[in-house]
Amino acid sequence: MVIPVIGGAMLLQMIELLELGVADAQIQVLLMGFISSALSGYFALKYLIIILKKSGFYLFAYYCWVVGLLSLGLFW
């Protein structure tokens, strides 16, 4: 459900960059970054769903605890 919103925001930003006169090479780099992040996000979520279906939420709960504690330790 969020993909159209992200795509629309990217399109608006691209139009604004073109109006400002940003070089085509820079827009190509931004587009490649968008595509690579979309693909990596898709496969990460696909892998997470596979893990959750196989073993349930307890592994995900451990992951959340580890990431949460690391985040608190690094950013607090």
N, C-alpha and C. Protein backbone atom coordinates (compact mmCIF):
# COMPACT_ATOMS: atom_id res chain seq x y z
N MET A 1 0.80 -1.19 0.00
CA MET A 1 0.00 0.00 0.00
C MET A 1 0.85 1.27 0.00
N VAL A 2 2.08 1.16 0.47
CA VAL A 2 2.91 2.34 0.56
C VAL A 2 3.71 2.59 -0.73
N ILE A 3 3.76 1.61 -1.59
CA ILE A 3 4.58 1.74 -2.80
C ILE A 3 4.11 2.89 -3.69
N PRO A 4 2.81 3.07 -3.94
CA PRO A 4 2.41 4.23 -4.75
C PRO A 4 2.78 5.57 -4.12
N VAL A 5 2.72 5.65 -2.81
CA VAL A 5 3.08 6.90 -2.13
C VAL A 5 4.57 7.18 -2.30
N ILE A 6 5.40 6.17 -2.10
CA ILE A 6 6.84 6.36 -2.27
C ILE A 6 7.18 6.68 -3.72
N GLY A 7 6.54 5.98 -4.65
CA GLY A 7 6.78 6.25 -6.07
C GLY A 7 6.36 7.66 -6.45
N GLY A 8 5.22 8.12 -5.94
CA GLY A 8 4.76 9.48 -6.22
C GLY A 8 5.69 10.53 -5.65
N ALA A 9 6.17 10.28 -4.42
CA ALA A 9 7.11 11.22 -3.81
C ALA A 9 8.41 11.28 -4.61
N MET A 10 8.87 10.11 -5.08
CA MET A 10 10.09 10.09 -5.89
C MET A 10 9.87 10.86 -7.19
N LEU A 11 8.72 10.67 -7.81
CA LEU A 11 8.42 11.36 -9.06
C LEU A 11 8.40 12.88 -8.87
N LEU A 12 7.78 13.33 -7.78
CA LEU A 12 7.74 14.77 -7.51
C LEU A 12 9.15 15.33 -7.26
N GLN A 13 9.97 14.57 -6.55
CA GLN A 13 11.34 15.01 -6.30
C GLN A 13 12.15 15.06 -7.60
N MET A 14 11.93 14.07 -8.47
CA MET A 14 12.65 14.06 -9.75
C MET A 14 12.25 15.27 -10.60
N ILE A 15 10.97 15.59 -10.62
CA ILE A 15 10.51 16.76 -11.38
C ILE A 15 11.15 18.03 -10.83
N GLU A 16 11.20 18.13 -9.51
CA GLU A 16 11.80 19.31 -8.88
C GLU A 16 13.29 19.40 -9.20
N LEU A 17 13.97 18.26 -9.19
CA LEU A 17 15.40 18.26 -9.52
C LEU A 17 15.63 18.66 -10.98
N LEU A 18 14.78 18.18 -11.87
CA LEU A 18 14.93 18.54 -13.28
C LEU A 18 14.69 20.03 -13.49
N GLU A 19 13.74 20.60 -12.75
CA GLU A 19 13.49 22.04 -12.86
C GLU A 19 14.65 22.86 -12.34
N LEU A 20 15.37 22.32 -11.35
CA LEU A 20 16.53 23.03 -10.80
C LEU A 20 17.77 22.91 -11.68
N GLY A 21 17.72 22.01 -12.65
CA GLY A 21 18.83 21.87 -13.57
C GLY A 21 19.87 20.85 -13.12
N VAL A 22 19.47 19.85 -12.37
CA VAL A 22 20.40 18.81 -11.94
C VAL A 22 20.75 17.97 -13.16
N ALA A 23 22.01 17.57 -13.23
CA ALA A 23 22.50 16.81 -14.38
C ALA A 23 21.81 15.45 -14.47
N ASP A 24 21.69 14.96 -15.70
CA ASP A 24 21.06 13.65 -15.93
C ASP A 24 21.82 12.53 -15.23
N ALA A 25 23.14 12.65 -15.16
CA ALA A 25 23.94 11.61 -14.51
C ALA A 25 23.59 11.49 -13.04
N GLN A 26 23.32 12.62 -12.38
CA GLN A 26 22.96 12.57 -10.97
C GLN A 26 21.58 11.96 -10.78
N ILE A 27 20.68 12.22 -11.68
CA ILE A 27 19.35 11.63 -11.59
C ILE A 27 19.42 10.12 -11.81
N GLN A 28 20.30 9.68 -12.70
CA GLN A 28 20.47 8.26 -12.91
C GLN A 28 21.00 7.58 -11.64
N VAL A 29 21.91 8.23 -10.94
CA VAL A 29 22.43 7.68 -9.69
C VAL A 29 21.32 7.59 -8.65
N LEU A 30 20.50 8.63 -8.54
CA LEU A 30 19.38 8.59 -7.61
C LEU A 30 18.38 7.50 -7.97
N LEU A 31 18.11 7.33 -9.24
CA LEU A 31 17.18 6.29 -9.68
C LEU A 31 17.73 4.90 -9.37
N MET A 32 19.00 4.70 -9.59
CA MET A 32 19.61 3.41 -9.27
C MET A 32 19.57 3.14 -7.77
N GLY A 33 19.78 4.17 -6.97
CA GLY A 33 19.67 4.02 -5.52
C GLY A 33 18.26 3.64 -5.11
N PHE A 34 17.26 4.26 -5.73
CA PHE A 34 15.86 3.93 -5.44
C PHE A 34 15.56 2.48 -5.80
N ILE A 35 16.01 2.06 -6.97
CA ILE A 35 15.73 0.70 -7.42
C ILE A 35 16.43 -0.32 -6.53
N SER A 36 17.69 -0.06 -6.18
CA SER A 36 18.41 -1.03 -5.33
C SER A 36 17.82 -1.09 -3.93
N SER A 37 17.38 0.03 -3.38
CA SER A 37 16.76 -0.02 -2.05
C SER A 37 15.40 -0.70 -2.10
N ALA A 38 14.66 -0.51 -3.18
CA ALA A 38 13.36 -1.18 -3.31
C ALA A 38 13.55 -2.69 -3.41
N LEU A 39 14.52 -3.13 -4.20
CA LEU A 39 14.77 -4.56 -4.34
C LEU A 39 15.27 -5.18 -3.04
N SER A 40 16.21 -4.52 -2.38
CA SER A 40 16.72 -5.09 -1.13
C SER A 40 15.64 -5.11 -0.05
N GLY A 41 14.78 -4.11 -0.01
CA GLY A 41 13.67 -4.10 0.93
C GLY A 41 12.68 -5.21 0.64
N TYR A 42 12.40 -5.44 -0.63
CA TYR A 42 11.48 -6.51 -1.01
C TYR A 42 12.02 -7.87 -0.57
N PHE A 43 13.29 -8.15 -0.88
CA PHE A 43 13.85 -9.45 -0.53
C PHE A 43 14.02 -9.61 0.98
N ALA A 44 14.31 -8.52 1.69
CA ALA A 44 14.41 -8.60 3.16
C ALA A 44 13.05 -8.95 3.76
N LEU A 45 11.99 -8.33 3.28
CA LEU A 45 10.66 -8.65 3.79
C LEU A 45 10.22 -10.05 3.39
N LYS A 46 10.58 -10.46 2.20
CA LYS A 46 10.23 -11.81 1.75
C LYS A 46 10.92 -12.84 2.65
N TYR A 47 12.21 -12.61 2.97
CA TYR A 47 12.96 -13.52 3.83
C TYR A 47 12.38 -13.51 5.25
N LEU A 48 11.99 -12.35 5.75
CA LEU A 48 11.39 -12.26 7.07
C LEU A 48 10.09 -13.04 7.14
N ILE A 49 9.26 -12.94 6.11
CA ILE A 49 8.00 -13.68 6.09
C ILE A 49 8.26 -15.19 6.07
N ILE A 50 9.27 -15.64 5.33
CA ILE A 50 9.62 -17.07 5.31
C ILE A 50 10.04 -17.53 6.70
N ILE A 51 10.87 -16.75 7.38
CA ILE A 51 11.31 -17.10 8.73
C ILE A 51 10.12 -17.16 9.68
N LEU A 52 9.24 -16.19 9.60
CA LEU A 52 8.08 -16.16 10.50
C LEU A 52 7.14 -17.34 10.26
N LYS A 53 6.98 -17.75 9.00
CA LYS A 53 6.12 -18.89 8.71
C LYS A 53 6.74 -20.19 9.22
N LYS A 54 8.06 -20.32 9.13
CA LYS A 54 8.72 -21.56 9.55
C LYS A 54 8.78 -21.69 11.07
N SER A 55 9.20 -20.65 11.74
CA SER A 55 9.51 -20.82 13.16
C SER A 55 8.69 -19.94 14.09
N GLY A 56 7.81 -19.16 13.56
CA GLY A 56 6.98 -18.33 14.42
C GLY A 56 7.67 -17.03 14.80
N PHE A 57 7.09 -16.39 15.80
CA PHE A 57 7.54 -15.05 16.16
C PHE A 57 8.66 -15.02 17.18
N TYR A 58 9.02 -16.16 17.78
CA TYR A 58 10.01 -16.08 18.84
C TYR A 58 11.39 -15.65 18.31
N LEU A 59 11.78 -16.08 17.11
CA LEU A 59 13.05 -15.61 16.54
C LEU A 59 12.98 -14.11 16.23
N PHE A 60 11.84 -13.68 15.74
CA PHE A 60 11.67 -12.26 15.46
C PHE A 60 11.71 -11.44 16.74
N ALA A 61 11.17 -12.00 17.82
CA ALA A 61 11.20 -11.31 19.11
C ALA A 61 12.64 -11.14 19.60
N TYR A 62 13.46 -12.19 19.46
CA TYR A 62 14.88 -12.07 19.83
C TYR A 62 15.57 -11.00 19.00
N TYR A 63 15.29 -11.00 17.72
CA TYR A 63 15.87 -10.00 16.82
C TYR A 63 15.48 -8.59 17.27
N CYS A 64 14.21 -8.40 17.60
CA CYS A 64 13.75 -7.08 18.05
C CYS A 64 14.45 -6.66 19.34
N TRP A 65 14.61 -7.59 20.27
CA TRP A 65 15.31 -7.27 21.51
C TRP A 65 16.76 -6.87 21.25
N VAL A 66 17.45 -7.62 20.41
CA VAL A 66 18.86 -7.32 20.12
C VAL A 66 18.99 -5.97 19.43
N VAL A 67 18.19 -5.73 18.43
CA VAL A 67 18.26 -4.45 17.70
C VAL A 67 17.87 -3.29 18.62
N GLY A 68 16.85 -3.50 19.44
CA GLY A 68 16.43 -2.45 20.38
C GLY A 68 17.51 -2.11 21.40
N LEU A 69 18.12 -3.14 21.98
CA LEU A 69 19.17 -2.89 22.97
C LEU A 69 20.41 -2.26 22.35
N LEU A 70 20.77 -2.72 21.14
CA LEU A 70 21.90 -2.11 20.44
C LEU A 70 21.61 -0.65 20.11
N SER A 71 20.40 -0.37 19.68
CA SER A 71 20.02 1.01 19.37
C SER A 71 20.08 1.89 20.60
N LEU A 72 19.58 1.38 21.71
CA LEU A 72 19.65 2.15 22.96
C LEU A 72 21.09 2.39 23.38
N GLY A 73 21.92 1.37 23.23
CA GLY A 73 23.31 1.52 23.61
C GLY A 73 24.08 2.48 22.72
N LEU A 74 23.75 2.50 21.45
CA LEU A 74 24.48 3.36 20.50
C LEU A 74 23.97 4.80 20.46
N PHE A 75 22.67 4.98 20.62
CA PHE A 75 22.10 6.29 20.37
C PHE A 75 21.55 7.01 21.59
N TRP A 76 21.66 6.40 22.76
CA TRP A 76 21.13 7.09 23.93
C TRP A 76 22.16 7.92 24.56
